[in-house]
Amino acid sequence: MNAHLQPTGSAYFIAKETQVAESHTLSVLVDNEPGVLARVIGLFSGRGYNIESLTVSETEHEAHLSRITIVTRGTPSVLEQIKSQLERIVPVHRVVDLTVRARMLGQERPVEREVALVKVAGSGELRAETLRLADAFQAKVVDATVDHFIFEITGKSSKVDQFVAIMKPLGLTEVCRTGIAAMNRGPQGM
């Protein structure tokens, strides 16, 4: 192992040095029951894996199934290990690496979107500039008073990041993000 890559207790150092870590989006179909999310999260934290984004919601009400979308980063061998370990958790029905599937379909990434609420305080000319820039980003005003706006913005994470960065000097006071929701293009389901 190179001297500059010292083990940190993280599973990321188990992989061969020749593998490059990359971000992947995983979709996990689980029973909607107490403790399932805790077990999935426990798998990540217990092995030193990081979660960059996490969303979960019941998607099949009659079957009581929930879809967990996880964005994580790792080498191909670490990502395969994560997927394998997720598949062994009892209430997990299916695990799909949406990033790998997108590549198999000849696409760079799955369709990924995020929603954010962004609060910006300000008055006078800054207020007009804030509205002009929000319009350019197609952000909707969902609340407004004489001293603040709350915007709703939807898009790729990079668009949300850019909007937040532009709003900082204009009086950004608060941001709430949903995390990434994702699915592959094409007619087939998960």
C-alpha atoms as a PDB file:
ATOM      1  CA  MET A   1       0.000   0.000   0.000  1.00  0.00           C
ATOM      2  CA  ASN A   2       1.275   3.478  -0.811  1.00  0.00           C
ATOM      3  CA  ALA A   3       2.509   5.501   2.137  1.00  0.00           C
ATOM      4  CA  HIS A   4      -0.036   8.263   1.423  1.00  0.00           C
ATOM      5  CA  LEU A   5      -2.976   5.810   1.580  1.00  0.00           C
ATOM      6  CA  GLN A   6      -3.163   4.817   5.206  1.00  0.00           C
ATOM      7  CA  PRO A   7      -6.021   2.609   6.396  1.00  0.00           C
ATOM      8  CA  THR A   8      -8.689   4.592   8.273  1.00  0.00           C
ATOM      9  CA  GLY A   9     -10.924   1.752   9.421  1.00  0.00           C
ATOM     10  CA  SER A  10     -13.038   2.324   6.316  1.00  0.00           C
ATOM     11  CA  ALA A  11     -13.865  -0.450   3.864  1.00  0.00           C
ATOM     12  CA  TYR A  12     -12.670   1.806   1.030  1.00  0.00           C
ATOM     13  CA  PHE A  13      -9.079   0.739   1.737  1.00  0.00           C
ATOM     14  CA  ILE A  14      -9.850  -2.955   1.226  1.00  0.00           C
ATOM     15  CA  ALA A  15     -10.072  -2.547  -2.558  1.00  0.00           C
ATOM     16  CA  LYS A  16      -7.112  -2.843  -4.860  1.00  0.00           C
ATOM     17  CA  GLU A  17      -5.207   0.404  -5.433  1.00  0.00           C
ATOM     18  CA  THR A  18      -5.864   0.225  -9.178  1.00  0.00           C
ATOM     19  CA  GLN A  19      -9.630   0.645  -8.755  1.00  0.00           C
ATOM     20  CA  VAL A  20     -11.074   4.152  -8.824  1.00  0.00           C
ATOM     21  CA  ALA A  21     -13.920   5.145  -6.497  1.00  0.00           C
ATOM     22  CA  GLU A  22     -17.026   6.466  -8.228  1.00  0.00           C
ATOM     23  CA  SER A  23     -20.513   7.533  -7.237  1.00  0.00           C
ATOM     24  CA  HIS A  24     -23.354   5.038  -7.835  1.00  0.00           C
ATOM     25  CA  THR A  25     -27.104   5.211  -7.286  1.00  0.00           C
ATOM     26  CA  LEU A  26     -28.673   2.088  -5.776  1.00  0.00           C
ATOM     27  CA  SER A  27     -32.393   1.362  -5.662  1.00  0.00           C
ATOM     28  CA  VAL A  28     -33.532  -1.050  -2.951  1.00  0.00           C
ATOM     29  CA  LEU A  29     -37.074  -2.468  -2.768  1.00  0.00           C
ATOM     30  CA  VAL A  30     -37.971  -3.465   0.808  1.00  0.00           C
ATOM     31  CA  ASP A  31     -40.944  -4.377   2.989  1.00  0.00           C
ATOM     32  CA  ASN A  32     -42.381  -1.259   4.571  1.00  0.00           C
ATOM     33  CA  GLU A  33     -42.047  -2.316   8.195  1.00  0.00           C
ATOM     34  CA  PRO A  34     -40.391  -0.921  11.329  1.00  0.00           C
ATOM     35  CA  GLY A  35     -36.625  -1.347  11.556  1.00  0.00           C
ATOM     36  CA  VAL A  36     -35.897  -2.043   7.874  1.00  0.00           C
ATOM     37  CA  LEU A  37     -34.361   1.360   7.178  1.00  0.00           C
ATOM     38  CA  ALA A  38     -32.291   1.096  10.363  1.00  0.00           C
ATOM     39  CA  ARG A  39     -30.896  -2.257   9.197  1.00  0.00           C
ATOM     40  CA  VAL A  40     -29.999  -0.876   5.767  1.00  0.00           C
ATOM     41  CA  ILE A  41     -28.322   2.183   7.298  1.00  0.00           C
ATOM     42  CA  GLY A  42     -26.610  -0.019   9.881  1.00  0.00           C
ATOM     43  CA  LEU A  43     -25.041  -2.047   7.083  1.00  0.00           C
ATOM     44  CA  PHE A  44     -23.426   1.135   5.721  1.00  0.00           C
ATOM     45  CA  SER A  45     -22.279   2.618   9.024  1.00  0.00           C
ATOM     46  CA  GLY A  46     -21.095  -0.710  10.445  1.00  0.00           C
ATOM     47  CA  ARG A  47     -18.742  -1.247   7.516  1.00  0.00           C
ATOM     48  CA  GLY A  48     -17.498   2.309   7.072  1.00  0.00           C
ATOM     49  CA  TYR A  49     -19.428   3.036   3.860  1.00  0.00           C
ATOM     50  CA  ASN A  50     -20.655   6.588   3.333  1.00  0.00           C
ATOM     51  CA  ILE A  51     -24.123   7.552   2.121  1.00  0.00           C
ATOM     52  CA  GLU A  52     -24.096  10.724   0.007  1.00  0.00           C
ATOM     53  CA  SER A  53     -27.889  10.820  -0.461  1.00  0.00           C
ATOM     54  CA  LEU A  54     -30.789   8.810   0.951  1.00  0.00           C
ATOM     55  CA  THR A  55     -34.497   8.877   0.133  1.00  0.00           C
ATOM     56  CA  VAL A  56     -37.210   6.427   1.101  1.00  0.00           C
ATOM     57  CA  SER A  57     -40.944   6.238   0.534  1.00  0.00           C
ATOM     58  CA  GLU A  58     -43.667   3.641   0.233  1.00  0.00           C
ATOM     59  CA  THR A  59     -44.166   3.140  -3.509  1.00  0.00           C
ATOM     60  CA  GLU A  60     -46.457   0.103  -3.622  1.00  0.00           C
ATOM     61  CA  HIS A  61     -49.143   0.724  -0.991  1.00  0.00           C
ATOM     62  CA  GLU A  62     -51.143  -2.487  -1.442  1.00  0.00           C
ATOM     63  CA  ALA A  63     -48.008  -4.648  -1.255  1.00  0.00           C
ATOM     64  CA  HIS A  64     -46.543  -2.467   1.560  1.00  0.00           C
ATOM     65  CA  LEU A  65     -43.255  -2.036  -0.283  1.00  0.00           C
ATOM     66  CA  SER A  66     -40.911   0.928   0.001  1.00  0.00           C
ATOM     67  CA  ARG A  67     -38.174   2.075  -2.329  1.00  0.00           C
ATOM     68  CA  ILE A  68     -34.914   3.259  -0.824  1.00  0.00           C
ATOM     69  CA  THR A  69     -32.650   5.257  -3.134  1.00  0.00           C
ATOM     70  CA  ILE A  70     -29.053   5.467  -1.935  1.00  0.00           C
ATOM     71  CA  VAL A  71     -26.183   7.358  -3.521  1.00  0.00           C
ATOM     72  CA  THR A  72     -22.856   6.033  -2.308  1.00  0.00           C
ATOM     73  CA  ARG A  73     -19.248   6.146  -3.424  1.00  0.00           C
ATOM     74  CA  GLY A  74     -16.805   3.287  -3.773  1.00  0.00           C
ATOM     75  CA  THR A  75     -14.609   1.198  -6.030  1.00  0.00           C
ATOM     76  CA  PRO A  76     -16.318  -1.429  -8.208  1.00  0.00           C
ATOM     77  CA  SER A  77     -15.429  -4.187  -5.725  1.00  0.00           C
ATOM     78  CA  VAL A  78     -16.732  -2.185  -2.738  1.00  0.00           C
ATOM     79  CA  LEU A  79     -19.956  -1.359  -4.607  1.00  0.00           C
ATOM     80  CA  GLU A  80     -20.446  -5.041  -5.468  1.00  0.00           C
ATOM     81  CA  GLN A  81     -19.855  -5.929  -1.804  1.00  0.00           C
ATOM     82  CA  ILE A  82     -22.465  -3.321  -0.704  1.00  0.00           C
ATOM     83  CA  LYS A  83     -25.008  -4.708  -3.183  1.00  0.00           C
ATOM     84  CA  SER A  84     -24.348  -8.295  -2.087  1.00  0.00           C
ATOM     85  CA  GLN A  85     -24.711  -7.423   1.597  1.00  0.00           C
ATOM     86  CA  LEU A  86     -27.928  -5.469   0.961  1.00  0.00           C
ATOM     87  CA  GLU A  87     -29.414  -8.477  -0.863  1.00  0.00           C
ATOM     88  CA  ARG A  88     -28.825 -10.634   2.252  1.00  0.00           C
ATOM     89  CA  ILE A  89     -30.947  -8.424   4.531  1.00  0.00           C
ATOM     90  CA  VAL A  90     -34.191 -10.383   5.073  1.00  0.00           C
ATOM     91  CA  PRO A  91     -36.907  -7.849   4.073  1.00  0.00           C
ATOM     92  CA  VAL A  92     -34.982  -6.713   0.954  1.00  0.00           C
ATOM     93  CA  HIS A  93     -36.740  -7.882  -2.227  1.00  0.00           C
ATOM     94  CA  ARG A  94     -34.454  -6.404  -4.854  1.00  0.00           C
ATOM     95  CA  VAL A  95     -31.293  -4.314  -5.203  1.00  0.00           C
ATOM     96  CA  VAL A  96     -30.502  -2.581  -8.493  1.00  0.00           C
ATOM     97  CA  ASP A  97     -27.399  -0.519  -9.209  1.00  0.00           C
ATOM     98  CA  LEU A  98     -29.085   2.098 -11.396  1.00  0.00           C
ATOM     99  CA  THR A  99     -25.702   3.461 -12.517  1.00  0.00           C
ATOM    100  CA  VAL A 100     -24.570   0.063 -13.846  1.00  0.00           C
ATOM    101  CA  ARG A 101     -27.951  -0.542 -15.479  1.00  0.00           C
ATOM    102  CA  ALA A 102     -27.839   2.881 -17.188  1.00  0.00           C
ATOM    103  CA  ARG A 103     -24.419   2.031 -18.647  1.00  0.00           C
ATOM    104  CA  MET A 104     -25.729  -1.327 -19.863  1.00  0.00           C
ATOM    105  CA  LEU A 105     -28.493   0.599 -21.665  1.00  0.00           C
ATOM    106  CA  GLY A 106     -25.912   2.897 -23.284  1.00  0.00           C
ATOM    107  CA  GLN A 107     -26.618   5.872 -21.015  1.00  0.00           C
ATOM    108  CA  GLU A 108     -24.240   7.779 -18.797  1.00  0.00           C
ATOM    109  CA  ARG A 109     -26.471   7.963 -15.687  1.00  0.00           C
ATOM    110  CA  PRO A 110     -30.016   7.144 -14.592  1.00  0.00           C
ATOM    111  CA  VAL A 111     -32.574   9.958 -14.472  1.00  0.00           C
ATOM    112  CA  GLU A 112     -31.906  11.664 -11.136  1.00  0.00           C
ATOM    113  CA  ARG A 113     -33.798  14.576  -9.590  1.00  0.00           C
ATOM    114  CA  GLU A 114     -33.769  16.377  -6.278  1.00  0.00           C
ATOM    115  CA  VAL A 115     -36.139  18.911  -4.722  1.00  0.00           C
ATOM    116  CA  ALA A 116     -34.948  21.691  -2.413  1.00  0.00           C
ATOM    117  CA  LEU A 117     -36.596  24.445  -0.428  1.00  0.00           C
ATOM    118  CA  VAL A 118     -34.343  27.503  -0.305  1.00  0.00           C
ATOM    119  CA  LYS A 119     -35.023  30.477   1.994  1.00  0.00           C
ATOM    120  CA  VAL A 120     -33.522  33.837   1.034  1.00  0.00           C
ATOM    121  CA  ALA A 121     -33.936  36.981   3.172  1.00  0.00           C
ATOM    122  CA  GLY A 122     -33.463  40.415   1.709  1.00  0.00           C
ATOM    123  CA  SER A 123     -34.947  43.719   0.695  1.00  0.00           C
ATOM    124  CA  GLY A 124     -34.641  46.400  -1.965  1.00  0.00           C
ATOM    125  CA  GLU A 125     -32.611  45.714  -5.091  1.00  0.00           C
ATOM    126  CA  LEU A 126     -31.351  42.376  -3.740  1.00  0.00           C
ATOM    127  CA  ARG A 127     -34.957  41.191  -3.679  1.00  0.00           C
ATOM    128  CA  ALA A 128     -35.437  41.946  -7.362  1.00  0.00           C
ATOM    129  CA  GLU A 129     -32.141  40.235  -8.234  1.00  0.00           C
ATOM    130  CA  THR A 130     -33.141  37.207  -6.160  1.00  0.00           C
ATOM    131  CA  LEU A 131     -36.416  36.875  -8.089  1.00  0.00           C
ATOM    132  CA  ARG A 132     -34.674  37.352 -11.441  1.00  0.00           C
ATOM    133  CA  LEU A 133     -32.146  34.590 -10.723  1.00  0.00           C
ATOM    134  CA  ALA A 134     -34.825  32.270  -9.303  1.00  0.00           C
ATOM    135  CA  ASP A 135     -36.780  32.711 -12.527  1.00  0.00           C
ATOM    136  CA  ALA A 136     -33.684  31.854 -14.577  1.00  0.00           C
ATOM    137  CA  PHE A 137     -33.398  28.590 -12.594  1.00  0.00           C
ATOM    138  CA  GLN A 138     -37.147  27.928 -12.896  1.00  0.00           C
ATOM    139  CA  ALA A 139     -37.454  27.983  -9.108  1.00  0.00           C
ATOM    140  CA  LYS A 140     -41.003  28.539  -7.843  1.00  0.00           C
ATOM    141  CA  VAL A 141     -41.873  30.966  -5.052  1.00  0.00           C
ATOM    142  CA  VAL A 142     -43.790  28.882  -2.465  1.00  0.00           C
ATOM    143  CA  ASP A 143     -43.781  31.480   0.324  1.00  0.00           C
ATOM    144  CA  ALA A 144     -43.052  35.194   0.411  1.00  0.00           C
ATOM    145  CA  THR A 145     -43.172  38.067   2.873  1.00  0.00           C
ATOM    146  CA  VAL A 146     -41.727  41.563   2.697  1.00  0.00           C
ATOM    147  CA  ASP A 147     -38.428  40.277   4.103  1.00  0.00           C
ATOM    148  CA  HIS A 148     -37.942  36.773   2.632  1.00  0.00           C
ATOM    149  CA  PHE A 149     -38.735  34.251  -0.094  1.00  0.00           C
ATOM    150  CA  ILE A 150     -38.895  30.471   0.051  1.00  0.00           C
ATOM    151  CA  PHE A 151     -38.183  28.887  -3.323  1.00  0.00           C
ATOM    152  CA  GLU A 152     -38.809  25.342  -4.502  1.00  0.00           C
ATOM    153  CA  ILE A 153     -36.271  24.124  -7.035  1.00  0.00           C
ATOM    154  CA  THR A 154     -36.254  20.749  -8.779  1.00  0.00           C
ATOM    155  CA  GLY A 155     -33.505  19.274 -10.946  1.00  0.00           C
ATOM    156  CA  LYS A 156     -30.208  17.505 -10.961  1.00  0.00           C
ATOM    157  CA  SER A 157     -28.164  17.916  -7.788  1.00  0.00           C
ATOM    158  CA  SER A 158     -25.673  20.067  -9.695  1.00  0.00           C
ATOM    159  CA  LYS A 159     -28.473  22.536 -10.572  1.00  0.00           C
ATOM    160  CA  VAL A 160     -29.575  22.709  -6.922  1.00  0.00           C
ATOM    161  CA  ASP A 161     -25.939  23.197  -5.831  1.00  0.00           C
ATOM    162  CA  GLN A 162     -25.503  26.029  -8.323  1.00  0.00           C
ATOM    163  CA  PHE A 163     -28.747  27.746  -7.255  1.00  0.00           C
ATOM    164  CA  VAL A 164     -27.747  27.556  -3.569  1.00  0.00           C
ATOM    165  CA  ALA A 165     -24.291  28.993  -4.368  1.00  0.00           C
ATOM    166  CA  ILE A 166     -25.809  31.901  -6.308  1.00  0.00           C
ATOM    167  CA  MET A 167     -28.274  32.671  -3.499  1.00  0.00           C
ATOM    168  CA  LYS A 168     -25.584  32.806  -0.751  1.00  0.00           C
ATOM    169  CA  PRO A 169     -24.504  36.411  -1.388  1.00  0.00           C
ATOM    170  CA  LEU A 170     -28.149  37.458  -1.824  1.00  0.00           C
ATOM    171  CA  GLY A 171     -29.193  36.477   1.716  1.00  0.00           C
ATOM    172  CA  LEU A 172     -29.498  32.674   1.814  1.00  0.00           C
ATOM    173  CA  THR A 173     -30.613  31.688   5.317  1.00  0.00           C
ATOM    174  CA  GLU A 174     -31.762  28.060   5.058  1.00  0.00           C
ATOM    175  CA  VAL A 175     -31.769  25.058   2.704  1.00  0.00           C
ATOM    176  CA  CYS A 176     -33.715  21.789   2.968  1.00  0.00           C
ATOM    177  CA  ARG A 177     -33.021  19.090   0.342  1.00  0.00           C
ATOM    178  CA  THR A 178     -34.940  15.871  -0.292  1.00  0.00           C
ATOM    179  CA  GLY A 179     -32.081  13.741  -1.540  1.00  0.00           C
ATOM    180  CA  ILE A 180     -31.980  12.092  -4.934  1.00  0.00           C
ATOM    181  CA  ALA A 181     -34.885  10.222  -6.492  1.00  0.00           C
ATOM    182  CA  ALA A 182     -33.779   8.124  -9.481  1.00  0.00           C
ATOM    183  CA  MET A 183     -34.851   5.567 -12.070  1.00  0.00           C
ATOM    184  CA  ASN A 184     -33.535   4.225 -15.352  1.00  0.00           C
ATOM    185  CA  ARG A 185     -34.819   5.309 -18.740  1.00  0.00           C
ATOM    186  CA  GLY A 186     -36.792   2.859 -20.847  1.00  0.00           C
ATOM    187  CA  PRO A 187     -40.019   0.868 -20.487  1.00  0.00           C
ATOM    188  CA  GLN A 188     -38.799  -1.777 -18.014  1.00  0.00           C
ATOM    189  CA  GLY A 189     -39.276  -1.367 -14.261  1.00  0.00           C
ATOM    190  CA  MET A 190     -36.842  -1.872 -11.450  1.00  0.00           C
END
